[in-house]
C-alpha cells in the first residue's frame, strides 16, 4: 500500500484538505495528514516554523468524516512539512505528497509563490511523486466535482507519474456536468492576480491587486481554466538549464 502525506496552505481546518484526504483514502492509499495550523497562503517553498526548544510544534486533531485518519496541525509552512515529512517526521516516509485542494487557483508563473505548489515541489525535490490540486474559487461549492476530478487524476498519476515530478491541476468551481474536461496547459506568464504599484508615501508603498484578464493567453492554464477546463501541467523540482556555457565565468575567477 502506497503511503500519502497530505498537506495544504489553507490550514488544517480547510474543507479542501478533507476532500483530498477522502479521495486519497478511497483510492486505497495509507493516508497521513499534516497541515499548517493556520492559513499559510503565499508561503511558497519557505522552510519556516514555530519552534520551542528546537522542537517543531505539532498537535493531534480529529477531522470530521475522517476519524480513522491521523491528522496533525503543524506550526510550520507547507514546504517545511513536506521537507520533514519526506524524512519520516510523521511516521513512515510517504511515497507521494498530495497538496490541496486549494481554495483559489494556482496558475501561471505565480505558482512560484503558492504554498500548495511549494510543498509539492519540495516533496519532488526530495525524491517523492507529488500532486497539487486547486479550485478557482475562494469558497468552492462543487465538492462532488472536485472529488471526481481528484480521483481520476490521482489514479492516473499513481501509475503514470515519475518520482521527482509534480502534477498541478487547476479546476473551475462548476458542477461536473459543466466541466469541459481536462487539458494539458502551459503556464501563463502571470498569476491569478497582478499587482499595481502606486506612488510611494512617507513610510509606505501603495500596492493594489486585481484579477488578470485570462482571455488573452490562449492555450495557457489561466485562459483554459476561465473557459471551463481543468488544466494539467507537469513540473519538475529546480534543476540546471542545459546548453548555457558558463565556462567563461569560471575562468574569470
Protein backbone atom coordinates (compact mmCIF):
# COMPACT_ATOMS: atom_id res chain seq x y z
CA UNK A 1 0.00 0.00 0.00
CA UNK A 2 1.39 3.38 -1.00
CA UNK A 3 1.60 5.99 1.76
CA UNK A 4 0.37 9.53 1.09
CA UNK A 5 1.22 12.66 3.06
CA UNK A 6 -1.47 15.29 2.58
CA UNK A 7 -0.90 18.98 3.26
CA UNK A 8 -2.05 22.40 2.05
CA UNK A 9 -1.54 26.10 2.63
CA UNK A 10 -5.12 26.95 3.68
CA UNK A 11 -4.69 25.24 7.04
CA UNK A 12 -5.81 22.11 8.86
CA UNK A 13 -9.47 23.20 9.00
CA UNK A 14 -9.84 23.60 5.23
CA UNK A 15 -12.71 21.80 3.51
CA UNK A 16 -10.41 21.20 0.52
CA UNK A 17 -7.93 19.32 2.69
CA UNK A 18 -10.62 16.96 3.93
CA UNK A 19 -11.91 16.47 0.40
CA UNK A 20 -8.50 15.46 -0.95
CA UNK A 21 -7.84 13.18 2.03
CA UNK A 22 -11.14 11.37 1.45
CA UNK A 23 -10.24 10.85 -2.21
CA UNK A 24 -6.80 9.50 -1.31
CA UNK A 25 -8.30 7.12 1.25
CA UNK A 26 -10.89 5.91 -1.26
CA UNK A 27 -8.09 5.31 -3.79
CA UNK A 28 -6.58 2.82 -1.34
CA UNK A 29 -3.71 4.96 -0.04
CA UNK A 30 -2.42 4.86 3.51
CA UNK A 31 -3.13 8.48 4.46
CA UNK A 32 -1.47 10.80 6.97
CA UNK A 33 -2.49 14.46 7.15
CA UNK A 34 -0.01 17.10 8.28
CA UNK A 35 -1.10 20.65 7.53
CA UNK A 36 -0.37 24.13 8.88
CA UNK A 37 -2.31 25.08 12.00
CA UNK A 38 -3.47 28.26 10.24
CA UNK A 39 -3.54 29.81 6.77
CA UNK A 40 -0.09 29.91 5.15
CA UNK A 41 -1.15 31.01 1.66
CA UNK A 42 1.68 32.56 -0.37
CA UNK A 43 4.33 30.75 1.66
CA UNK A 44 5.97 29.37 -1.50
CA UNK A 45 8.74 26.90 -0.56
CA UNK A 46 9.61 28.72 2.65
CA UNK A 47 11.07 26.50 5.38
CA UNK A 48 9.64 28.40 8.31
CA UNK A 49 8.20 27.16 11.58
CA UNK A 50 7.40 27.98 15.18
CA UNK A 51 9.67 26.01 17.47
CA UNK A 52 10.02 25.54 21.20
CA UNK A 53 13.41 24.43 22.49
CA UNK A 54 14.34 23.30 18.98
CA UNK A 55 11.19 21.21 18.61
CA UNK A 56 8.65 21.58 15.82
CA UNK A 57 5.22 22.13 17.39
CA UNK A 58 2.60 19.54 16.38
CA UNK A 59 -0.96 18.98 17.64
CA UNK A 60 -3.11 15.90 17.05
CA UNK A 61 -6.52 16.69 15.54
CA UNK A 62 -9.59 14.65 14.65
CA UNK A 63 -11.20 15.74 11.40
CA UNK A 64 -14.89 15.34 10.70
CA UNK A 65 -15.62 12.45 8.28
CA UNK A 66 -12.04 11.18 8.73
CA UNK A 67 -11.95 9.75 12.25
CA UNK A 68 -9.67 6.88 11.25
CA UNK A 69 -7.08 9.12 9.56
CA UNK A 70 -4.30 10.59 11.68
CA UNK A 71 -4.29 14.37 11.33
CA UNK A 72 -1.66 16.76 12.63
CA UNK A 73 -1.79 20.56 12.87
CA UNK A 74 1.79 21.69 12.42
CA UNK A 75 3.04 25.18 13.22
CA UNK A 76 5.08 25.36 10.04
CA UNK A 77 4.94 26.28 6.37
CA UNK A 78 3.65 23.67 3.91
CA UNK A 79 7.10 23.24 2.36
CA UNK A 80 8.73 22.55 5.72
CA UNK A 81 6.01 20.00 6.45
CA UNK A 82 6.81 18.34 3.11
CA UNK A 83 10.56 18.54 3.78
CA UNK A 84 10.49 16.88 7.20
CA UNK A 85 7.62 14.58 6.24
CA UNK A 86 9.68 13.12 3.41
CA UNK A 87 12.21 12.15 6.08
CA UNK A 88 9.70 10.36 8.27
CA UNK A 89 8.81 13.10 10.73
CA UNK A 90 5.17 11.97 10.84
CA UNK A 91 5.67 8.22 10.72
CA UNK A 92 6.84 6.08 7.83
CA UNK A 93 8.15 8.14 4.93
CA UNK A 94 5.47 8.73 2.27
CA UNK A 95 5.60 7.60 -1.35
CA UNK A 96 3.59 10.58 -2.59
CA UNK A 97 2.66 14.03 -1.35
CA UNK A 98 -0.77 15.47 -2.11
CA UNK A 99 -1.33 19.22 -1.70
CA UNK A 100 -4.74 20.89 -1.68
CA UNK A 101 -7.44 21.09 -2.59
CA UNK A 102 -6.53 24.76 -2.56
CA UNK A 103 -9.25 27.40 -2.20
CA UNK A 104 -8.24 29.58 -5.16
CA UNK A 105 -6.32 28.96 -8.40
CA UNK A 106 -2.58 28.45 -8.72
CA UNK A 107 -1.83 29.29 -12.33
CA UNK A 108 0.95 30.76 -14.39
CA UNK A 109 4.41 31.68 -13.24
CA UNK A 110 2.89 32.84 -9.94
CA UNK A 111 2.77 29.19 -8.87
CA UNK A 112 6.23 30.13 -7.57
CA UNK A 113 4.52 31.92 -4.67
CA UNK A 114 1.95 29.25 -3.82
CA UNK A 115 2.38 27.37 -0.57
CA UNK A 116 0.41 24.48 -2.07
CA UNK A 117 2.72 24.18 -5.07
CA UNK A 118 5.76 24.97 -2.91
CA UNK A 119 5.03 21.92 -0.77
CA UNK A 120 4.65 19.73 -3.85
CA UNK A 121 7.90 20.97 -5.41
CA UNK A 122 9.73 20.49 -2.12
CA UNK A 123 8.49 16.91 -1.93
CA UNK A 124 9.57 16.32 -5.53
CA UNK A 125 12.97 17.79 -4.76
CA UNK A 126 13.28 15.11 -2.09
CA UNK A 127 12.52 12.30 -4.50
CA UNK A 128 8.78 11.93 -3.99
CA UNK A 129 6.00 11.99 -6.52
CA UNK A 130 3.66 14.92 -5.87
CA UNK A 131 0.21 16.15 -6.83
CA UNK A 132 -1.25 19.65 -6.28
CA UNK A 133 -4.91 20.48 -6.83
CA UNK A 134 -6.50 23.95 -6.78
CA UNK A 135 -10.08 25.16 -7.29
CA UNK A 136 -10.84 28.50 -8.94
CA UNK A 137 -12.80 29.92 -6.02
CA UNK A 138 -12.04 31.35 -2.61
CA UNK A 139 -15.08 29.44 -1.32
CA UNK A 140 -15.60 26.33 -3.50
CA UNK A 141 -19.12 24.93 -3.68
CA UNK A 142 -18.99 21.93 -6.00
CA UNK A 143 -17.09 19.39 -3.92
CA UNK A 144 -18.56 16.39 -5.73
CA UNK A 145 -16.90 17.64 -8.93
CA UNK A 146 -13.63 18.23 -7.07
CA UNK A 147 -13.71 14.66 -5.80
CA UNK A 148 -14.42 13.29 -9.26
CA UNK A 149 -11.52 15.15 -10.88
CA UNK A 150 -9.13 14.44 -7.99
CA UNK A 151 -9.92 10.72 -8.06
CA UNK A 152 -9.45 10.47 -11.83
CA UNK A 153 -6.19 12.43 -11.86
CA UNK A 154 -4.72 10.79 -8.77
CA UNK A 155 -5.49 7.27 -10.00
CA UNK A 156 -3.66 8.08 -13.23
CA UNK A 157 -0.71 9.83 -11.55
CA UNK A 158 -0.13 6.91 -9.18
CA UNK A 159 0.74 4.73 -12.19
CA UNK A 160 1.96 7.25 -14.77
CA UNK A 161 3.81 9.70 -12.55
CA UNK A 162 7.56 9.73 -12.04
CA UNK A 163 9.29 10.27 -8.72
CA UNK A 164 10.67 13.80 -8.51
CA UNK A 165 7.84 15.32 -10.56
CA UNK A 166 4.69 17.29 -9.75
CA UNK A 167 1.30 17.19 -11.41
CA UNK A 168 -0.52 20.52 -10.99
CA UNK A 169 -4.25 20.63 -11.59
CA UNK A 170 -6.48 23.71 -11.58
CA UNK A 171 -10.21 23.27 -11.93
CA UNK A 172 -13.22 25.58 -12.21
CA UNK A 173 -15.74 25.61 -9.39
CA UNK A 174 -18.53 24.14 -11.53
CA UNK A 175 -20.82 21.12 -11.39
CA UNK A 176 -19.28 18.06 -13.02
CA UNK A 177 -21.74 18.31 -15.93
CA UNK A 178 -20.45 21.79 -16.80
CA UNK A 179 -16.74 20.99 -16.75
CA UNK A 180 -15.46 20.60 -20.32
CA UNK A 181 -12.74 18.08 -19.47
CA UNK A 182 -9.03 18.02 -18.69
CA UNK A 183 -6.50 19.79 -20.91
CA UNK A 184 -2.72 19.88 -20.76
CA UNK A 185 -1.69 23.50 -20.43
CA UNK A 186 1.42 25.62 -20.38
CA UNK A 187 1.93 28.12 -17.59
CA UNK A 188 0.66 31.62 -18.26
CA UNK A 189 3.31 34.37 -17.91
CA UNK A 190 1.47 35.73 -14.87
CA UNK A 191 -0.64 34.50 -12.00
CA UNK A 192 -4.24 34.76 -10.90
CA UNK A 193 -3.71 38.36 -9.81
CA UNK A 194 -1.44 41.22 -10.77
CA UNK A 195 -0.04 43.97 -8.59
CA UNK A 196 -0.06 47.68 -9.33
CA UNK A 197 2.48 49.81 -7.50
CA UNK A 198 1.35 53.33 -6.64
CA UNK A 199 3.29 56.40 -5.68
CA UNK A 200 5.36 55.83 -2.52
CA UNK A 201 4.39 57.76 0.61
CA UNK A 202 6.11 58.51 3.87
CA UNK A 203 6.92 55.09 5.33
CA UNK A 204 4.79 53.07 2.92
CA UNK A 205 4.35 51.88 -0.67
CA UNK A 206 0.86 51.66 -2.15
CA UNK A 207 0.15 48.22 -3.63
CA UNK A 208 -3.19 47.12 -5.08
CA UNK A 209 -4.12 43.72 -6.51
CA UNK A 210 -6.57 42.89 -9.28
CA UNK A 211 -7.66 39.85 -11.26
CA UNK A 212 -5.90 39.40 -14.57
CA UNK A 213 -7.61 39.14 -17.95
CA UNK A 214 -7.28 35.44 -18.76
CA UNK A 215 -8.68 35.73 -22.29
CA UNK A 216 -5.50 36.98 -23.99
CA UNK A 217 -3.29 33.97 -23.36
CA UNK A 218 -4.85 31.21 -25.47
CA UNK A 219 -3.67 27.73 -24.53
CA UNK A 220 -2.35 28.71 -21.11
CA UNK A 221 -3.62 27.35 -17.82
CA UNK A 222 -5.19 30.69 -16.88
CA UNK A 223 -7.16 31.01 -20.14
CA UNK A 224 -8.30 27.39 -20.27
CA UNK A 225 -9.38 27.46 -16.64
CA UNK A 226 -11.54 30.53 -17.26
CA UNK A 227 -13.09 28.73 -20.24
CA UNK A 228 -14.29 25.84 -18.05
CA UNK A 229 -11.46 23.33 -18.47
CA UNK A 230 -9.47 21.52 -15.82
CA UNK A 231 -5.83 22.30 -16.59
CA UNK A 232 -2.95 19.88 -16.07
CA UNK A 233 0.71 20.85 -16.01
CA UNK A 234 3.71 18.72 -15.06
CA UNK A 235 6.62 20.37 -13.24
CA UNK A 236 9.97 19.20 -12.02
CA UNK A 237 11.82 20.46 -8.97
CA UNK A 238 14.56 23.03 -9.73
CA UNK A 239 17.30 21.73 -11.99
CA UNK A 240 20.07 23.24 -14.06
CA UNK A 241 19.40 24.56 -17.59
CA UNK A 242 21.29 22.62 -20.28
CA UNK A 243 23.01 24.37 -23.14
CA UNK A 244 24.20 27.52 -21.34
CA UNK A 245 28.00 27.78 -21.31
CA UNK A 246 29.24 29.22 -18.03
CA UNK A 247 32.90 28.32 -18.57
CA UNK A 248 33.88 31.96 -19.14
CA UNK A 249 32.57 32.82 -15.69
CA UNK A 250 34.69 30.09 -14.12
CA UNK A 251 37.78 31.38 -15.95
CA UNK A 252 37.17 34.93 -14.72
CA UNK A 253 37.63 33.98 -11.07
